[in-house]
Amino acid sequence: MDVLYEESAVNQKSKKAEKKYKILNVISWIVFALGIFCALIFFTLCLPYFLTSMDSAPPEDVSVEDWQGQIAGGRGMGIFIIMQFVFFALVWIMLYMLKKRVNISYDYTFVSGELRIAKVFNINRRKLVVRIDAAEILQLGDVDNESYDRLRADPGIKQEVVTPNEEPSEGKFFMYVLIGGSNGRKMYVLECREELLVNILKFAKRGTLESDYVMQEKKLAQGR
C-alpha cells in the first residue's frame, strides 16, 4: 500500500519573525564590514611594527628612543585592533546563530510507513530531524490526554517538540509519537491534522494508539 502525506507546522508569527530576521541580517553585515575594516587596518598599519625588531636601526632624523616608541605604539594599537576584530567576530557568530532560530517551521512527510520530520530555517533551508519507521512507534496520541501526561512524567523518556507554536493552528492538534530504540525511548510532539495520525495507524502495530484517544471532531463537539 503506497501512501504519501505531507503537511507543515508554520510559524504563526512568521511575518514578525521575517522582519526580525531582516534586521538581524543587516546588523550582521554591518558587523562583518567592521571586522573586515579592522583586519585591513591591522595588516596595513600595525603588522609592519610587529615585523620590525626593537633593535633595528631607526630611519634618518629619528632618534633610537623615538623609533622604539613608535614600534611599541604600533604594536599596542595592533593588539587593540585584534581585540576589536575578535569582538566583532564573536558578535557576528552570535547573530548568525540567532538568525538560524528566528523563523523556524517544520515539515512532516509520511511515505508508506516512514515518518520524516524536517526543520526549516527561514523558509529556504531544511535539515532532517529524524526518520521514524511506523514499526518503531510504541504509542501515539493527543497531548491533551492523560496518557501523554503519564509519559511526560517518565524520566526515562526524552521529549523533543517539533513545532514552533505554543498553540495548534486551526484544524490541527498536538500529537505525540513515542518511539523506542537502542538509545532508549524518545517522544516527539508534532502539530498536525488528524489525517497524519490516521495514515500512520495504517502501518503501525495494533494497539499503538493511546486508549483514551478522542477523534478531533468529537473533541471539538465536546468543547475540549
Protein backbone atom coordinates (compact mmCIF):
# COMPACT_ATOMS: atom_id res chain seq x y z
CA MET A 1 0.00 0.00 0.00
CA ASP A 2 1.54 3.29 -1.14
CA VAL A 3 0.81 6.39 0.94
CA LEU A 4 2.18 9.92 0.58
CA TYR A 5 1.06 12.57 3.04
CA GLU A 6 2.71 15.95 3.62
CA GLU A 7 2.00 18.95 5.80
CA SER A 8 3.84 21.72 7.64
CA ALA A 9 3.77 23.39 11.02
CA VAL A 10 4.31 27.01 10.02
CA ASN A 11 5.35 29.68 12.49
CA GLN A 12 2.19 31.59 13.41
CA LYS A 13 4.32 34.71 13.89
CA SER A 14 6.15 34.31 10.59
CA LYS A 15 5.72 37.94 9.46
CA LYS A 16 7.17 39.26 12.70
CA ALA A 17 9.93 36.65 12.51
CA GLU A 18 10.78 37.62 8.91
CA LYS A 19 11.07 41.28 9.93
CA LYS A 20 13.33 40.35 12.84
CA TYR A 21 15.44 38.19 10.51
CA LYS A 22 15.95 41.10 8.09
CA ILE A 23 17.02 43.41 10.93
CA LEU A 24 19.48 40.84 12.26
CA ASN A 25 20.78 40.27 8.74
CA VAL A 26 21.51 43.99 8.24
CA ILE A 27 23.24 44.22 11.62
CA SER A 28 25.32 41.12 10.88
CA TRP A 29 26.52 42.61 7.58
CA ILE A 30 27.50 45.84 9.36
CA VAL A 31 29.42 43.87 11.99
CA PHE A 32 31.06 41.80 9.24
CA ALA A 33 32.16 45.01 7.46
CA LEU A 34 33.59 46.42 10.71
CA GLY A 35 35.55 43.19 11.21
CA ILE A 36 37.00 43.41 7.70
CA PHE A 37 37.87 47.08 8.32
CA CYS A 38 39.76 46.10 11.49
CA ALA A 39 41.65 43.41 9.60
CA LEU A 40 42.66 45.85 6.87
CA ILE A 41 43.92 48.39 9.43
CA PHE A 42 45.93 45.72 11.22
CA PHE A 43 47.62 44.34 8.11
CA THR A 44 48.34 47.73 6.53
CA LEU A 45 49.26 49.87 9.56
CA CYS A 46 50.07 47.60 12.51
CA LEU A 47 51.63 44.41 11.17
CA PRO A 48 54.84 46.15 9.98
CA TYR A 49 55.58 47.14 13.59
CA PHE A 50 55.30 43.50 14.72
CA LEU A 51 57.73 42.51 11.96
CA THR A 52 60.21 45.20 12.95
CA SER A 53 62.72 44.49 15.71
CA MET A 54 63.09 46.96 18.58
CA ASP A 55 66.84 46.80 17.96
CA SER A 56 66.57 47.72 14.27
CA ALA A 57 68.18 50.90 13.02
CA PRO A 58 65.79 53.89 13.02
CA PRO A 59 65.13 55.95 9.89
CA GLU A 60 67.18 59.09 9.34
CA ASP A 61 66.33 62.08 11.54
CA VAL A 62 64.61 59.76 14.08
CA SER A 63 66.25 59.03 17.41
CA VAL A 64 66.51 55.49 18.72
CA GLU A 65 64.25 56.35 21.63
CA ASP A 66 61.54 57.83 19.35
CA TRP A 67 61.84 54.87 16.98
CA GLN A 68 61.36 52.34 19.75
CA GLY A 69 58.39 54.39 20.99
CA GLN A 70 56.82 54.27 17.52
CA ILE A 71 57.27 50.48 17.36
CA ALA A 72 55.78 49.99 20.85
CA GLY A 73 52.87 52.30 19.98
CA GLY A 74 52.22 50.49 16.69
CA ARG A 75 52.21 47.13 18.43
CA GLY A 76 49.89 48.45 21.14
CA MET A 77 47.47 49.72 18.52
CA GLY A 78 47.73 46.37 16.74
CA ILE A 79 46.77 44.48 19.90
CA PHE A 80 43.79 46.81 20.37
CA ILE A 81 42.72 46.24 16.74
CA ILE A 82 43.00 42.45 17.20
CA MET A 83 40.76 42.69 20.29
CA GLN A 84 38.22 44.68 18.27
CA PHE A 85 38.34 42.12 15.48
CA VAL A 86 37.74 39.25 17.93
CA PHE A 87 34.82 41.16 19.44
CA PHE A 88 33.19 41.73 16.04
CA ALA A 89 33.80 38.09 15.09
CA LEU A 90 32.07 36.85 18.25
CA VAL A 91 29.13 39.23 17.70
CA TRP A 92 28.83 38.04 14.09
CA ILE A 93 28.78 34.39 15.20
CA MET A 94 26.11 35.19 17.81
CA LEU A 95 23.98 36.98 15.20
CA TYR A 96 24.42 34.08 12.79
CA MET A 97 23.14 31.64 15.42
CA LEU A 98 20.21 33.94 16.24
CA LYS A 99 19.24 34.23 12.57
CA LYS A 100 19.05 30.45 12.30
CA ARG A 101 16.49 30.32 15.12
CA VAL A 102 14.37 33.37 14.40
CA ASN A 103 11.94 31.91 11.82
CA ILE A 104 11.58 28.16 12.15
CA SER A 105 8.91 25.82 10.82
CA TYR A 106 8.66 22.04 10.41
CA ASP A 107 7.72 19.73 7.54
CA TYR A 108 6.14 16.33 8.17
CA THR A 109 6.20 13.76 5.38
CA PHE A 110 4.76 10.27 5.69
CA VAL A 111 5.76 7.88 2.91
CA SER A 112 4.49 4.31 3.01
CA GLY A 113 5.34 3.53 6.61
CA GLU A 114 8.04 6.11 7.31
CA LEU A 115 7.56 9.48 9.01
CA ARG A 116 10.14 12.12 8.12
CA ILE A 117 10.42 15.31 10.16
CA ALA A 118 12.44 18.22 8.79
CA LYS A 119 13.31 21.55 10.38
CA VAL A 120 13.01 24.55 8.05
CA PHE A 121 15.09 27.68 8.67
CA ASN A 122 13.81 30.97 7.24
CA ILE A 123 11.77 29.17 4.57
CA ASN A 124 14.75 28.33 2.35
CA ARG A 125 16.92 25.83 4.27
CA ARG A 126 15.88 22.39 5.52
CA LYS A 127 17.52 19.99 7.96
CA LEU A 128 16.29 16.45 8.55
CA VAL A 129 15.45 15.92 12.22
CA VAL A 130 14.50 12.25 12.23
CA ARG A 131 13.15 9.35 10.20
CA ILE A 132 10.68 7.16 12.09
CA ASP A 133 9.59 3.77 10.85
CA ALA A 134 5.99 3.05 11.82
CA ALA A 135 7.15 -0.27 13.29
CA GLU A 136 9.29 1.66 15.82
CA ILE A 137 6.33 3.57 17.23
CA LEU A 138 5.32 2.37 20.67
CA GLN A 139 2.45 4.77 21.19
CA LEU A 140 0.91 7.90 19.72
CA GLY A 141 -1.96 10.15 20.65
CA ASP A 142 -3.12 13.59 21.78
CA VAL A 143 -1.08 15.68 24.24
CA ASP A 144 -4.34 16.77 25.88
CA ASN A 145 -4.90 13.28 27.27
CA GLU A 146 -3.73 11.65 30.49
CA SER A 147 -1.71 9.08 28.53
CA TYR A 148 0.64 11.85 27.44
CA ASP A 149 0.89 13.25 30.97
CA ARG A 150 1.99 9.84 32.28
CA LEU A 151 4.64 9.51 29.56
CA ARG A 152 5.83 13.07 30.08
CA ALA A 153 6.36 12.37 33.77
CA ASP A 154 8.59 9.37 33.00
CA PRO A 155 12.25 10.46 33.49
CA GLY A 156 13.37 7.71 31.12
CA ILE A 157 11.65 9.32 28.14
CA LYS A 158 13.28 12.21 26.32
CA GLN A 159 10.99 14.70 24.59
CA GLU A 160 11.58 16.87 21.53
CA VAL A 161 8.99 19.42 20.41
CA VAL A 162 8.96 19.72 16.62
CA THR A 163 6.63 22.68 16.17
CA PRO A 164 7.37 26.40 16.54
CA ASN A 165 3.95 27.21 18.02
CA GLU A 166 2.64 27.17 21.57
CA GLU A 167 -0.96 26.62 20.43
CA PRO A 168 -2.07 24.48 17.46
CA SER A 169 -3.33 26.24 14.34
CA GLU A 170 -6.95 25.86 13.28
CA GLY A 171 -7.80 22.29 12.30
CA LYS A 172 -4.68 20.88 13.95
CA PHE A 173 -3.73 19.36 17.28
CA PHE A 174 -0.56 18.45 19.13
CA MET A 175 0.19 14.77 18.54
CA TYR A 176 2.87 12.86 20.39
CA VAL A 177 4.82 9.97 18.88
CA LEU A 178 6.69 7.67 21.26
CA ILE A 179 9.42 5.53 19.76
CA GLY A 180 11.86 3.00 21.14
CA GLY A 181 15.42 2.24 20.09
CA SER A 182 18.92 1.33 21.18
CA ASN A 183 19.32 4.78 22.75
CA GLY A 184 16.15 4.48 24.83
CA ARG A 185 12.66 5.86 24.40
CA LYS A 186 12.02 9.27 22.86
CA MET A 187 8.85 11.23 22.30
CA TYR A 188 8.24 13.77 19.54
CA VAL A 189 5.46 16.35 19.73
CA LEU A 190 4.06 17.43 16.34
CA GLU A 191 1.45 19.98 15.30
CA CYS A 192 -0.61 18.28 12.63
CA ARG A 193 -4.01 17.33 11.27
CA GLU A 194 -5.66 14.08 12.23
CA GLU A 195 -5.03 12.75 8.72
CA LEU A 196 -1.38 12.23 9.62
CA LEU A 197 -2.29 10.10 12.62
CA VAL A 198 -4.74 8.05 10.53
CA ASN A 199 -2.08 7.37 7.88
CA ILE A 200 0.47 6.32 10.49
CA LEU A 201 -2.00 3.88 12.05
CA LYS A 202 -2.34 2.09 8.71
CA PHE A 203 1.27 0.91 9.12
CA ALA A 204 1.78 0.91 12.90
CA LYS A 205 1.34 -2.10 15.14
CA ARG A 206 -2.06 -2.84 16.62
CA GLY A 207 -2.57 -1.13 19.96
CA THR A 208 -0.25 1.78 19.12
CA LEU A 209 -2.99 4.40 19.52
CA GLU A 210 -3.49 5.50 23.12
CA SER A 211 -6.54 4.00 24.81
CA ASP A 212 -8.08 7.37 25.75
CA TYR A 213 -7.80 8.97 22.31
CA VAL A 214 -10.83 11.00 21.16
CA MET A 215 -11.33 11.87 17.48
CA GLN A 216 -10.74 15.56 16.92
CA GLU A 217 -14.22 16.20 15.53
CA LYS A 218 -15.79 14.66 18.63
CA LYS A 219 -13.33 16.52 20.83
CA LEU A 220 -14.42 19.85 19.33
CA ALA A 221 -18.08 18.92 19.80
CA GLN A 222 -17.32 18.28 23.48
CA GLY A 223 -15.69 21.69 23.73
CA ARG A 224 -12.31 20.28 24.75
